[in-house]
N, C-alpha and C. Protein backbone atom coordinates (compact mmCIF):
# COMPACT_ATOMS: atom_id res chain seq x y z
N MET A 1 -19.82 13.13 5.45
CA MET A 1 -18.83 11.83 5.56
C MET A 1 -17.67 12.36 4.98
N GLU A 2 -16.78 11.54 5.91
CA GLU A 2 -15.39 11.74 5.49
C GLU A 2 -14.67 10.25 5.44
N PHE A 3 -13.98 9.96 4.50
CA PHE A 3 -13.38 8.52 4.23
C PHE A 3 -12.25 8.69 5.33
N CYS A 4 -12.24 7.49 6.24
CA CYS A 4 -11.18 7.11 7.11
C CYS A 4 -10.25 6.28 7.11
N TRP A 5 -10.74 5.07 6.60
CA TRP A 5 -9.63 3.92 6.15
C TRP A 5 -10.03 3.04 5.18
N ILE A 6 -9.15 2.44 4.67
CA ILE A 6 -9.53 1.01 3.65
C ILE A 6 -8.88 -0.19 4.53
N THR A 7 -9.39 -1.53 4.46
CA THR A 7 -8.98 -2.41 5.40
C THR A 7 -8.51 -3.51 4.12
N ILE A 8 -6.99 -4.01 4.59
CA ILE A 8 -6.42 -5.01 3.73
C ILE A 8 -6.26 -6.12 4.65
N ASN A 9 -7.00 -7.16 4.07
CA ASN A 9 -6.70 -8.52 4.99
C ASN A 9 -5.34 -8.91 4.28
N VAL A 10 -4.25 -9.20 5.36
CA VAL A 10 -2.85 -9.82 4.91
C VAL A 10 -2.55 -11.11 5.45
N ARG A 11 -1.87 -11.79 4.66
CA ARG A 11 -1.30 -12.89 4.99
C ARG A 11 -0.14 -13.08 6.19
N ASN A 12 0.79 -12.05 5.94
CA ASN A 12 1.89 -11.90 6.75
C ASN A 12 1.94 -10.36 7.31
N MET A 13 1.77 -10.07 8.51
CA MET A 13 1.86 -8.79 8.91
C MET A 13 3.03 -8.23 8.93
N GLU A 14 4.34 -8.96 9.09
CA GLU A 14 5.74 -8.29 8.91
C GLU A 14 5.87 -7.99 7.77
N GLU A 15 5.57 -8.86 6.60
CA GLU A 15 5.91 -8.47 5.24
C GLU A 15 5.04 -7.32 4.63
N SER A 16 3.90 -7.32 5.31
CA SER A 16 2.83 -6.31 4.53
C SER A 16 3.20 -4.72 5.37
N LEU A 17 3.95 -5.05 6.70
CA LEU A 17 4.37 -3.70 7.30
C LEU A 17 5.75 -3.18 6.72
N HIS A 18 6.49 -4.05 6.32
CA HIS A 18 7.72 -3.62 5.50
C HIS A 18 7.33 -3.03 4.59
N PHE A 19 6.37 -3.53 3.36
CA PHE A 19 6.14 -3.00 2.42
C PHE A 19 5.30 -1.40 2.43
N TYR A 20 4.18 -1.55 3.28
CA TYR A 20 3.62 -0.20 3.39
C TYR A 20 4.29 0.79 4.24
N HIS A 21 4.85 0.51 5.29
CA HIS A 21 5.73 1.18 6.04
C HIS A 21 7.17 1.68 5.60
N GLU A 22 7.80 0.73 5.21
CA GLU A 22 9.42 1.03 4.78
C GLU A 22 9.38 1.36 3.54
N ILE A 23 8.59 0.92 2.60
CA ILE A 23 8.76 1.25 1.09
C ILE A 23 7.60 2.21 0.74
N ILE A 24 6.44 2.20 0.99
CA ILE A 24 5.63 3.18 0.76
C ILE A 24 5.62 4.55 1.71
N GLY A 25 5.93 4.25 2.71
CA GLY A 25 6.28 5.44 3.87
C GLY A 25 5.18 5.65 4.46
N LEU A 26 4.07 4.96 5.04
CA LEU A 26 3.40 5.13 5.85
C LEU A 26 3.79 4.96 7.35
N LYS A 27 3.29 5.96 8.13
CA LYS A 27 3.76 5.95 9.58
C LYS A 27 2.58 4.60 10.12
N ILE A 28 3.14 4.00 10.96
CA ILE A 28 2.48 3.19 12.01
C ILE A 28 1.81 3.77 13.16
N ALA A 29 0.20 4.11 12.94
CA ALA A 29 -0.08 5.06 13.89
C ALA A 29 -0.60 4.16 15.14
N GLU A 30 -1.04 2.90 15.06
CA GLU A 30 -1.32 1.61 16.13
C GLU A 30 -0.95 0.46 15.35
N ARG A 31 -0.63 -0.39 16.59
CA ARG A 31 -0.64 -1.85 16.43
C ARG A 31 -0.95 -2.60 17.62
N PHE A 32 -1.85 -3.52 17.15
CA PHE A 32 -2.31 -4.27 18.60
C PHE A 32 -2.90 -5.63 17.96
N LYS A 33 -3.16 -6.60 19.17
CA LYS A 33 -3.46 -7.99 18.69
C LYS A 33 -4.82 -8.18 19.61
N ILE A 34 -5.71 -8.90 18.78
CA ILE A 34 -6.90 -9.37 19.40
C ILE A 34 -6.83 -10.71 19.47
N GLY A 35 -6.80 -11.40 20.78
CA GLY A 35 -6.37 -12.59 20.90
C GLY A 35 -5.16 -13.40 20.33
N ASP A 36 -5.25 -14.70 20.29
CA ASP A 36 -4.08 -15.22 19.50
C ASP A 36 -3.97 -15.46 18.15
N GLU A 37 -5.28 -14.92 17.46
CA GLU A 37 -5.38 -15.25 16.06
C GLU A 37 -5.35 -14.03 15.21
N THR A 38 -5.51 -12.65 15.85
CA THR A 38 -5.48 -11.40 14.70
C THR A 38 -4.76 -10.62 15.43
N GLU A 39 -4.13 -10.11 14.21
CA GLU A 39 -3.31 -8.69 14.75
C GLU A 39 -3.73 -7.84 13.78
N ILE A 40 -3.78 -6.26 13.97
CA ILE A 40 -4.12 -5.08 13.33
C ILE A 40 -2.95 -3.89 13.55
N ALA A 41 -2.66 -3.65 12.17
CA ALA A 41 -2.03 -2.37 12.20
C ALA A 41 -2.63 -1.14 11.31
N MET A 42 -2.49 -0.13 12.08
CA MET A 42 -2.99 1.11 11.30
C MET A 42 -1.95 1.98 10.94
N LEU A 43 -1.96 2.37 9.55
CA LEU A 43 -0.96 3.32 9.00
C LEU A 43 -1.16 4.45 8.33
N GLY A 44 -0.73 5.69 8.76
CA GLY A 44 -1.21 6.69 8.32
C GLY A 44 -0.98 8.15 9.25
N GLU A 45 -1.34 8.92 8.77
CA GLU A 45 -1.01 10.34 9.66
C GLU A 45 -2.40 10.25 10.98
N VAL A 46 -1.89 10.73 11.95
CA VAL A 46 -3.03 11.12 13.01
C VAL A 46 -3.97 11.78 12.47
N GLY A 47 -5.43 11.52 12.58
CA GLY A 47 -6.25 12.41 12.06
C GLY A 47 -6.66 12.19 10.68
N GLY A 48 -5.88 11.61 9.87
CA GLY A 48 -6.14 11.42 8.38
C GLY A 48 -6.32 10.04 8.03
N THR A 49 -6.57 9.79 6.88
CA THR A 49 -7.08 8.54 6.40
C THR A 49 -5.88 7.40 6.47
N LYS A 50 -6.48 6.19 6.83
CA LYS A 50 -5.25 5.25 7.32
C LYS A 50 -5.75 4.10 6.30
N VAL A 51 -4.68 3.26 6.09
CA VAL A 51 -4.87 1.81 5.86
C VAL A 51 -4.66 1.03 6.83
N GLU A 52 -5.69 0.11 7.10
CA GLU A 52 -5.74 -0.86 8.01
C GLU A 52 -5.23 -2.23 7.73
N LEU A 53 -4.34 -2.92 8.35
CA LEU A 53 -3.90 -4.11 7.89
C LEU A 53 -4.52 -5.12 9.09
N ILE A 54 -5.09 -6.28 8.36
CA ILE A 54 -5.48 -7.13 9.36
C ILE A 54 -4.83 -8.61 9.12
N CYS A 55 -4.29 -8.97 10.09
CA CYS A 55 -3.87 -10.57 9.70
C CYS A 55 -4.59 -11.36 10.77
N ASN A 56 -5.34 -12.17 10.11
CA ASN A 56 -5.82 -13.46 10.79
C ASN A 56 -5.70 -14.69 10.60
N LYS A 57 -5.13 -15.49 10.97
CA LYS A 57 -4.97 -17.11 10.84
C LYS A 57 -5.50 -17.71 10.13
N ASP A 58 -6.74 -17.34 10.64
CA ASP A 58 -8.20 -18.28 10.11
C ASP A 58 -8.50 -17.89 8.56
N HIS A 59 -8.41 -16.64 8.20
CA HIS A 59 -8.75 -16.06 7.28
C HIS A 59 -7.90 -16.26 5.78
N ILE A 60 -8.69 -16.67 4.86
CA ILE A 60 -7.96 -16.65 3.61
C ILE A 60 -7.97 -15.28 2.78
N VAL A 61 -6.66 -14.89 2.38
CA VAL A 61 -6.49 -13.65 1.93
C VAL A 61 -6.76 -13.78 0.25
N GLN A 62 -7.56 -12.93 -0.40
CA GLN A 62 -7.58 -13.10 -1.74
C GLN A 62 -7.76 -11.27 -2.23
N SER A 63 -6.84 -11.22 -3.42
CA SER A 63 -7.09 -9.90 -4.11
C SER A 63 -8.63 -9.96 -4.53
N THR A 64 -9.14 -8.86 -4.57
CA THR A 64 -10.40 -8.79 -4.93
C THR A 64 -10.72 -7.69 -6.24
N GLY A 65 -9.92 -7.42 -6.82
CA GLY A 65 -10.02 -6.26 -7.84
C GLY A 65 -9.77 -4.81 -7.41
N LEU A 66 -9.56 -4.69 -5.97
CA LEU A 66 -9.44 -3.13 -5.71
C LEU A 66 -7.95 -2.77 -5.94
N SER A 67 -7.85 -1.67 -6.32
CA SER A 67 -6.67 -1.07 -6.33
C SER A 67 -6.73 0.46 -5.43
N ILE A 68 -5.39 0.52 -5.08
CA ILE A 68 -5.33 1.70 -4.00
C ILE A 68 -4.11 2.58 -4.63
N GLY A 69 -4.16 3.75 -4.46
CA GLY A 69 -3.05 4.69 -5.00
C GLY A 69 -2.20 5.73 -3.83
N PHE A 70 -0.92 5.89 -4.37
CA PHE A 70 -0.05 6.49 -3.53
C PHE A 70 0.41 7.78 -4.33
N GLU A 71 0.57 9.04 -3.97
CA GLU A 71 1.22 9.89 -4.84
C GLU A 71 2.74 10.17 -4.46
N VAL A 72 3.38 10.30 -5.19
CA VAL A 72 4.72 10.78 -5.14
C VAL A 72 5.19 12.10 -5.70
N ASP A 73 6.43 12.84 -5.35
CA ASP A 73 6.87 13.71 -5.89
C ASP A 73 7.83 13.43 -7.29
N SER A 74 8.26 12.11 -7.27
CA SER A 74 8.99 11.70 -8.37
C SER A 74 8.96 10.25 -8.69
N LEU A 75 8.26 10.11 -9.94
CA LEU A 75 8.14 8.88 -10.36
C LEU A 75 9.27 7.99 -10.73
N GLU A 76 10.24 8.65 -11.06
CA GLU A 76 11.67 8.06 -11.31
C GLU A 76 12.18 7.43 -10.15
N LYS A 77 12.27 8.27 -8.85
CA LYS A 77 12.80 7.61 -7.87
C LYS A 77 11.85 6.67 -6.90
N ALA A 78 10.81 6.53 -7.54
CA ALA A 78 9.78 5.45 -6.97
C ALA A 78 10.00 4.60 -7.83
N MET A 79 10.22 4.57 -8.96
CA MET A 79 10.71 3.37 -9.75
C MET A 79 11.81 2.77 -9.29
N GLU A 80 12.68 3.49 -8.78
CA GLU A 80 14.21 3.13 -8.55
C GLU A 80 13.89 2.37 -7.25
N LEU A 81 13.14 2.89 -6.04
CA LEU A 81 12.90 2.28 -4.80
C LEU A 81 12.43 1.06 -5.20
N MET A 82 11.40 0.67 -6.34
CA MET A 82 11.07 -0.48 -6.38
C MET A 82 11.81 -1.28 -6.80
N ARG A 83 12.74 -1.13 -7.96
CA ARG A 83 14.10 -1.84 -8.32
C ARG A 83 14.87 -2.34 -7.16
N GLU A 84 15.13 -1.23 -6.15
CA GLU A 84 15.97 -1.59 -5.06
C GLU A 84 15.39 -2.52 -4.21
N ASN A 85 14.10 -2.76 -4.05
CA ASN A 85 13.49 -3.65 -3.26
C ASN A 85 12.89 -4.80 -3.79
N ASN A 86 13.48 -4.98 -5.11
CA ASN A 86 12.85 -6.39 -5.89
C ASN A 86 11.38 -6.33 -6.02
N ILE A 87 10.84 -5.19 -6.17
CA ILE A 87 9.21 -5.14 -6.40
C ILE A 87 9.09 -4.88 -8.09
N SER A 88 8.25 -5.89 -8.87
CA SER A 88 8.16 -5.96 -10.04
C SER A 88 7.17 -4.57 -10.31
N ILE A 89 7.28 -3.93 -11.42
CA ILE A 89 6.46 -2.92 -12.05
C ILE A 89 5.70 -3.84 -12.95
N GLN A 90 4.26 -3.73 -12.79
CA GLN A 90 3.22 -4.81 -13.38
C GLN A 90 2.90 -4.04 -14.91
N ARG A 91 2.72 -2.75 -14.77
CA ARG A 91 2.30 -1.96 -15.86
C ARG A 91 2.86 -0.53 -15.60
N GLY A 92 3.30 0.17 -16.81
CA GLY A 92 3.56 1.42 -16.64
C GLY A 92 5.06 1.69 -16.85
N PRO A 93 5.57 2.88 -16.93
CA PRO A 93 4.63 4.21 -16.75
C PRO A 93 3.84 4.32 -17.78
N ILE A 94 2.72 5.04 -17.12
CA ILE A 94 1.56 5.63 -18.36
C ILE A 94 1.28 6.87 -17.84
N SER A 95 0.99 7.53 -18.92
CA SER A 95 0.75 9.16 -18.95
C SER A 95 -0.35 9.43 -19.75
N PRO A 96 -1.63 9.27 -19.44
CA PRO A 96 -2.70 9.66 -20.24
C PRO A 96 -2.77 10.70 -20.49
N ASN A 97 -2.27 11.85 -20.04
CA ASN A 97 -1.97 13.30 -20.31
C ASN A 97 -0.88 14.03 -19.53
N PRO A 98 -0.46 15.18 -19.89
CA PRO A 98 0.78 15.74 -19.56
C PRO A 98 0.76 16.00 -18.14
N SER A 99 -0.27 15.79 -17.56
CA SER A 99 0.00 16.35 -15.90
C SER A 99 -0.22 15.22 -15.30
N VAL A 100 -0.34 14.07 -15.52
CA VAL A 100 -0.24 12.88 -14.48
C VAL A 100 0.64 11.65 -15.16
N SER A 101 1.40 10.94 -14.70
CA SER A 101 1.99 9.66 -14.91
C SER A 101 2.13 8.81 -13.70
N PHE A 102 1.79 7.40 -14.13
CA PHE A 102 1.54 6.30 -13.26
C PHE A 102 2.41 5.29 -13.58
N PHE A 103 2.24 4.32 -12.69
CA PHE A 103 2.71 2.64 -12.76
C PHE A 103 2.15 2.21 -11.53
N PHE A 104 1.81 0.63 -12.09
CA PHE A 104 1.09 -0.20 -10.99
C PHE A 104 2.06 -1.25 -10.62
N ILE A 105 2.23 -1.93 -9.35
CA ILE A 105 2.95 -2.80 -8.63
C ILE A 105 1.95 -3.60 -7.79
N ASN A 106 2.37 -4.74 -7.15
CA ASN A 106 1.53 -5.70 -6.63
C ASN A 106 1.91 -5.43 -5.09
N ASP A 107 1.28 -5.32 -4.06
CA ASP A 107 1.74 -5.38 -2.60
C ASP A 107 1.92 -7.05 -2.19
N PRO A 108 2.44 -7.30 -1.36
CA PRO A 108 3.02 -8.80 -0.85
C PRO A 108 1.45 -9.79 -0.82
N ASN A 109 0.43 -9.18 -0.86
CA ASN A 109 -0.71 -9.93 -0.92
C ASN A 109 -1.76 -10.12 -2.27
N GLY A 110 -1.05 -9.54 -3.51
CA GLY A 110 -1.22 -9.57 -4.66
C GLY A 110 -2.34 -8.23 -4.78
N LEU A 111 -2.45 -7.32 -4.11
CA LEU A 111 -3.42 -6.23 -4.15
C LEU A 111 -2.66 -5.31 -5.22
N GLU A 112 -3.35 -4.71 -5.92
CA GLU A 112 -2.80 -3.76 -6.97
C GLU A 112 -2.51 -2.44 -6.40
N VAL A 113 -1.36 -1.86 -6.58
CA VAL A 113 -0.99 -0.38 -5.92
C VAL A 113 -0.48 0.53 -7.19
N GLN A 114 -1.09 1.81 -7.24
CA GLN A 114 -0.82 2.67 -8.22
C GLN A 114 0.27 3.59 -7.68
N ILE A 115 1.29 4.03 -8.24
CA ILE A 115 2.25 5.04 -7.78
C ILE A 115 1.96 6.20 -8.75
N VAL A 116 1.52 7.33 -8.09
CA VAL A 116 1.23 8.19 -9.51
C VAL A 116 2.18 9.70 -8.90
N GLN A 117 2.49 10.48 -10.19
CA GLN A 117 3.02 11.61 -9.94
C GLN A 117 2.05 12.63 -10.67
N HIS A 118 1.77 13.66 -10.09
CA HIS A 118 1.03 14.78 -10.89
C HIS A 118 1.88 16.16 -11.08
N SER A 119 1.84 16.44 -12.27
CA SER A 119 2.73 17.42 -12.64
C SER A 119 1.99 18.90 -12.48
N HIS A 120 2.76 19.73 -11.85
CA HIS A 120 1.66 21.11 -11.45
C HIS A 120 2.29 22.33 -12.26
């Protein structure tokens, strides 16, 4: 088996696309509507793992204790990007050992997102 995507139910598709596409940097692989009530966007590389955003007007969105992580080359640059976009750093930076550092933010739906840098 190979992990193919994670689904995030979102309140506002445009707000969530701004976060995951413009700030996190995921490519929009697909975007489509199912009827008048549901819109889906698949983000990520073709043939790679995706983040699926689903916006359904009838679905109540709740953060479920799930956390997702994204690796960056520079934690400092990532922190600056968050500040420029008025995204609060919730915790960190944390460095549990010399080869990894990370901090946590929340996406527009309250989902915890970890930004991590590995030292090589």
